[in-house]
Amino acid sequence: MKQLQLQYQTSQQKKRTLTVNNVNQELEPAVVREQMAAISASQLFKQGDEELYHEPLAANYVERIVTPIFSVKTDVDEK
């Protein structure tokens, strides 16, 4: 499963990431940029006076691959 990571700069020049699961994996860059700008313009996310998603910086699809080394549950099931 891929995630969409939306990277923003806060109003206090810090980096912030908004992660979305179960996302359409064929989004056009212009659409993502437009929606990120809408999130920013809404000023919906604040912490005190800081706007958390103030300026869009980047968007990435991220896929996490887990490679098991061992599992206590699996070891117990095999006995």
N, C-alpha and C. Protein backbone atom coordinates (compact mmCIF):
# COMPACT_ATOMS: atom_id res chain seq x y z
N MET A 1 0.84 -1.18 0.00
CA MET A 1 0.00 0.00 0.00
C MET A 1 0.89 1.25 0.00
N LYS A 2 0.61 2.13 -0.89
CA LYS A 2 1.35 3.39 -0.95
C LYS A 2 0.61 4.47 -0.17
N GLN A 3 1.38 5.37 0.38
CA GLN A 3 0.84 6.54 1.07
C GLN A 3 1.22 7.77 0.27
N LEU A 4 0.44 8.81 0.43
CA LEU A 4 0.77 10.10 -0.16
C LEU A 4 1.26 10.99 0.98
N GLN A 5 2.50 11.45 0.87
CA GLN A 5 3.05 12.35 1.87
C GLN A 5 3.08 13.76 1.29
N LEU A 6 2.41 14.67 1.98
CA LEU A 6 2.35 16.07 1.57
C LEU A 6 3.25 16.86 2.53
N GLN A 7 4.27 17.47 1.99
CA GLN A 7 5.23 18.20 2.82
C GLN A 7 4.96 19.70 2.74
N TYR A 8 4.91 20.30 3.91
CA TYR A 8 4.62 21.72 4.03
C TYR A 8 5.67 22.39 4.90
N GLN A 9 5.71 23.71 4.80
CA GLN A 9 6.46 24.54 5.73
C GLN A 9 5.43 25.24 6.60
N THR A 10 5.68 25.29 7.90
CA THR A 10 4.76 25.98 8.80
C THR A 10 5.01 27.48 8.73
N SER A 11 4.15 28.24 9.36
CA SER A 11 4.32 29.70 9.37
C SER A 11 5.54 30.12 10.20
N GLN A 12 6.10 29.16 10.97
CA GLN A 12 7.31 29.45 11.74
C GLN A 12 8.54 28.76 11.13
N GLN A 13 8.46 28.50 9.81
CA GLN A 13 9.58 27.98 9.01
C GLN A 13 10.03 26.56 9.40
N LYS A 14 9.14 25.77 9.98
CA LYS A 14 9.44 24.37 10.29
C LYS A 14 8.83 23.50 9.21
N LYS A 15 9.33 22.28 9.07
CA LYS A 15 8.76 21.34 8.10
C LYS A 15 7.72 20.47 8.78
N ARG A 16 6.65 20.19 8.04
CA ARG A 16 5.54 19.39 8.56
C ARG A 16 5.06 18.47 7.45
N THR A 17 4.69 17.23 7.78
CA THR A 17 4.22 16.27 6.78
C THR A 17 2.81 15.81 7.12
N LEU A 18 1.96 15.80 6.13
CA LEU A 18 0.60 15.29 6.23
C LEU A 18 0.57 14.01 5.40
N THR A 19 0.24 12.88 6.02
CA THR A 19 0.25 11.59 5.34
C THR A 19 -1.17 11.09 5.13
N VAL A 20 -1.45 10.64 3.90
CA VAL A 20 -2.78 10.15 3.54
C VAL A 20 -2.66 8.70 3.07
N ASN A 21 -3.46 7.80 3.66
CA ASN A 21 -3.48 6.39 3.28
C ASN A 21 -4.54 6.14 2.21
N ASN A 22 -4.42 5.01 1.53
CA ASN A 22 -5.42 4.55 0.55
C ASN A 22 -5.75 5.62 -0.48
N VAL A 23 -4.74 6.14 -1.10
CA VAL A 23 -4.88 7.27 -2.02
C VAL A 23 -4.81 6.80 -3.48
N ASN A 24 -5.45 7.53 -4.34
CA ASN A 24 -5.34 7.30 -5.78
C ASN A 24 -3.88 7.47 -6.17
N GLN A 25 -3.30 6.48 -6.82
CA GLN A 25 -1.88 6.51 -7.16
C GLN A 25 -1.61 7.07 -8.55
N GLU A 26 -2.61 7.66 -9.16
CA GLU A 26 -2.43 8.22 -10.50
C GLU A 26 -2.80 9.71 -10.54
N LEU A 27 -2.56 10.40 -9.45
CA LEU A 27 -2.89 11.82 -9.38
C LEU A 27 -1.93 12.65 -10.22
N GLU A 28 -2.48 13.64 -10.88
CA GLU A 28 -1.66 14.56 -11.67
C GLU A 28 -0.99 15.57 -10.73
N PRO A 29 0.26 15.92 -10.99
CA PRO A 29 0.96 16.89 -10.14
C PRO A 29 0.19 18.20 -9.95
N ALA A 30 -0.45 18.70 -11.00
CA ALA A 30 -1.19 19.96 -10.90
C ALA A 30 -2.36 19.84 -9.93
N VAL A 31 -3.02 18.68 -9.92
CA VAL A 31 -4.16 18.45 -9.02
C VAL A 31 -3.68 18.40 -7.57
N VAL A 32 -2.58 17.70 -7.34
CA VAL A 32 -2.03 17.60 -5.98
C VAL A 32 -1.61 18.98 -5.49
N ARG A 33 -0.92 19.72 -6.33
CA ARG A 33 -0.47 21.07 -5.97
C ARG A 33 -1.66 21.97 -5.63
N GLU A 34 -2.71 21.88 -6.44
CA GLU A 34 -3.92 22.69 -6.22
C GLU A 34 -4.59 22.33 -4.88
N GLN A 35 -4.68 21.05 -4.58
CA GLN A 35 -5.32 20.62 -3.34
C GLN A 35 -4.47 20.97 -2.12
N MET A 36 -3.15 20.88 -2.27
CA MET A 36 -2.26 21.30 -1.17
C MET A 36 -2.43 22.79 -0.89
N ALA A 37 -2.55 23.58 -1.94
CA ALA A 37 -2.76 25.02 -1.77
C ALA A 37 -4.10 25.28 -1.08
N ALA A 38 -5.12 24.49 -1.40
CA ALA A 38 -6.43 24.66 -0.77
C ALA A 38 -6.35 24.33 0.72
N ILE A 39 -5.61 23.28 1.08
CA ILE A 39 -5.42 22.93 2.49
C ILE A 39 -4.73 24.08 3.20
N SER A 40 -3.70 24.62 2.58
CA SER A 40 -2.96 25.74 3.16
C SER A 40 -3.85 26.97 3.34
N ALA A 41 -4.62 27.30 2.31
CA ALA A 41 -5.48 28.48 2.35
C ALA A 41 -6.59 28.36 3.38
N SER A 42 -7.01 27.14 3.68
CA SER A 42 -8.10 26.95 4.65
C SER A 42 -7.69 27.32 6.08
N GLN A 43 -6.40 27.30 6.36
CA GLN A 43 -5.86 27.59 7.70
C GLN A 43 -6.59 26.76 8.76
N LEU A 44 -6.95 25.55 8.39
CA LEU A 44 -7.70 24.66 9.27
C LEU A 44 -6.85 24.10 10.41
N PHE A 45 -5.57 23.92 10.15
CA PHE A 45 -4.68 23.29 11.12
C PHE A 45 -3.77 24.33 11.75
N LYS A 46 -4.00 24.60 13.03
CA LYS A 46 -3.19 25.57 13.76
C LYS A 46 -2.81 25.00 15.12
N GLN A 47 -1.69 25.47 15.61
CA GLN A 47 -1.24 25.15 16.97
C GLN A 47 -0.82 26.48 17.58
N GLY A 48 -1.68 27.03 18.41
CA GLY A 48 -1.46 28.38 18.89
C GLY A 48 -1.58 29.35 17.73
N ASP A 49 -0.55 30.16 17.53
CA ASP A 49 -0.54 31.10 16.40
C ASP A 49 0.12 30.52 15.14
N GLU A 50 0.65 29.31 15.24
CA GLU A 50 1.37 28.72 14.12
C GLU A 50 0.42 27.99 13.17
N GLU A 51 0.49 28.34 11.89
CA GLU A 51 -0.23 27.61 10.84
C GLU A 51 0.62 26.40 10.48
N LEU A 52 0.09 25.20 10.71
CA LEU A 52 0.89 23.98 10.55
C LEU A 52 1.16 23.62 9.09
N TYR A 53 0.23 23.90 8.19
CA TYR A 53 0.41 23.58 6.77
C TYR A 53 0.31 24.88 5.97
N HIS A 54 1.30 25.74 6.19
CA HIS A 54 1.29 27.11 5.67
C HIS A 54 1.66 27.19 4.19
N GLU A 55 2.74 26.50 3.80
CA GLU A 55 3.22 26.60 2.41
C GLU A 55 3.57 25.21 1.87
N PRO A 56 2.93 24.79 0.77
CA PRO A 56 3.25 23.48 0.17
C PRO A 56 4.69 23.45 -0.33
N LEU A 57 5.39 22.33 -0.03
CA LEU A 57 6.78 22.17 -0.46
C LEU A 57 6.94 21.03 -1.46
N ALA A 58 6.30 19.88 -1.18
CA ALA A 58 6.50 18.70 -2.03
C ALA A 58 5.42 17.67 -1.74
N ALA A 59 5.26 16.74 -2.68
CA ALA A 59 4.35 15.61 -2.50
C ALA A 59 5.04 14.36 -3.03
N ASN A 60 4.92 13.26 -2.28
CA ASN A 60 5.57 12.02 -2.68
C ASN A 60 4.67 10.84 -2.38
N TYR A 61 4.72 9.83 -3.25
CA TYR A 61 4.15 8.54 -2.92
C TYR A 61 5.22 7.78 -2.16
N VAL A 62 4.83 7.13 -1.07
CA VAL A 62 5.78 6.38 -0.26
C VAL A 62 5.24 4.96 -0.09
N GLU A 63 6.10 4.00 -0.37
CA GLU A 63 5.73 2.60 -0.20
C GLU A 63 6.67 2.01 0.85
N ARG A 64 6.07 1.40 1.84
CA ARG A 64 6.85 0.81 2.93
C ARG A 64 6.91 -0.70 2.72
N ILE A 65 8.12 -1.25 2.71
CA ILE A 65 8.30 -2.69 2.56
C ILE A 65 8.84 -3.23 3.88
N VAL A 66 8.13 -4.21 4.43
CA VAL A 66 8.53 -4.83 5.69
C VAL A 66 9.13 -6.20 5.38
N THR A 67 10.35 -6.42 5.84
CA THR A 67 11.01 -7.71 5.69
C THR A 67 11.18 -8.32 7.08
N PRO A 68 10.42 -9.37 7.39
CA PRO A 68 10.49 -9.95 8.73
C PRO A 68 11.85 -10.61 9.00
N ILE A 69 12.31 -10.47 10.21
CA ILE A 69 13.52 -11.14 10.67
C ILE A 69 13.10 -12.32 11.54
N PHE A 70 12.23 -12.05 12.51
CA PHE A 70 11.63 -13.10 13.32
C PHE A 70 10.35 -12.57 13.92
N SER A 71 9.54 -13.50 14.43
CA SER A 71 8.31 -13.12 15.10
C SER A 71 8.05 -14.12 16.21
N VAL A 72 7.84 -13.62 17.41
CA VAL A 72 7.54 -14.49 18.53
C VAL A 72 6.27 -15.29 18.24
N LYS A 73 5.27 -14.66 17.65
CA LYS A 73 4.02 -15.34 17.31
C LYS A 73 4.26 -16.48 16.34
N THR A 74 5.07 -16.25 15.31
CA THR A 74 5.37 -17.29 14.32
C THR A 74 6.16 -18.42 14.98
N ASP A 75 7.14 -18.08 15.83
CA ASP A 75 7.94 -19.10 16.50
C ASP A 75 7.08 -19.99 17.39
N VAL A 76 6.11 -19.42 18.09
CA VAL A 76 5.22 -20.16 18.96
C VAL A 76 4.30 -21.05 18.13
N ASP A 77 3.82 -20.55 17.00
CA ASP A 77 2.91 -21.31 16.13
C ASP A 77 3.62 -22.55 15.54
N GLU A 78 4.92 -22.50 15.33
CA GLU A 78 5.65 -23.59 14.72
C GLU A 78 5.92 -24.73 15.69
N LYS A 79 5.81 -24.49 16.99
CA LYS A 79 6.12 -25.52 17.99
C LYS A 79 4.97 -26.49 18.15
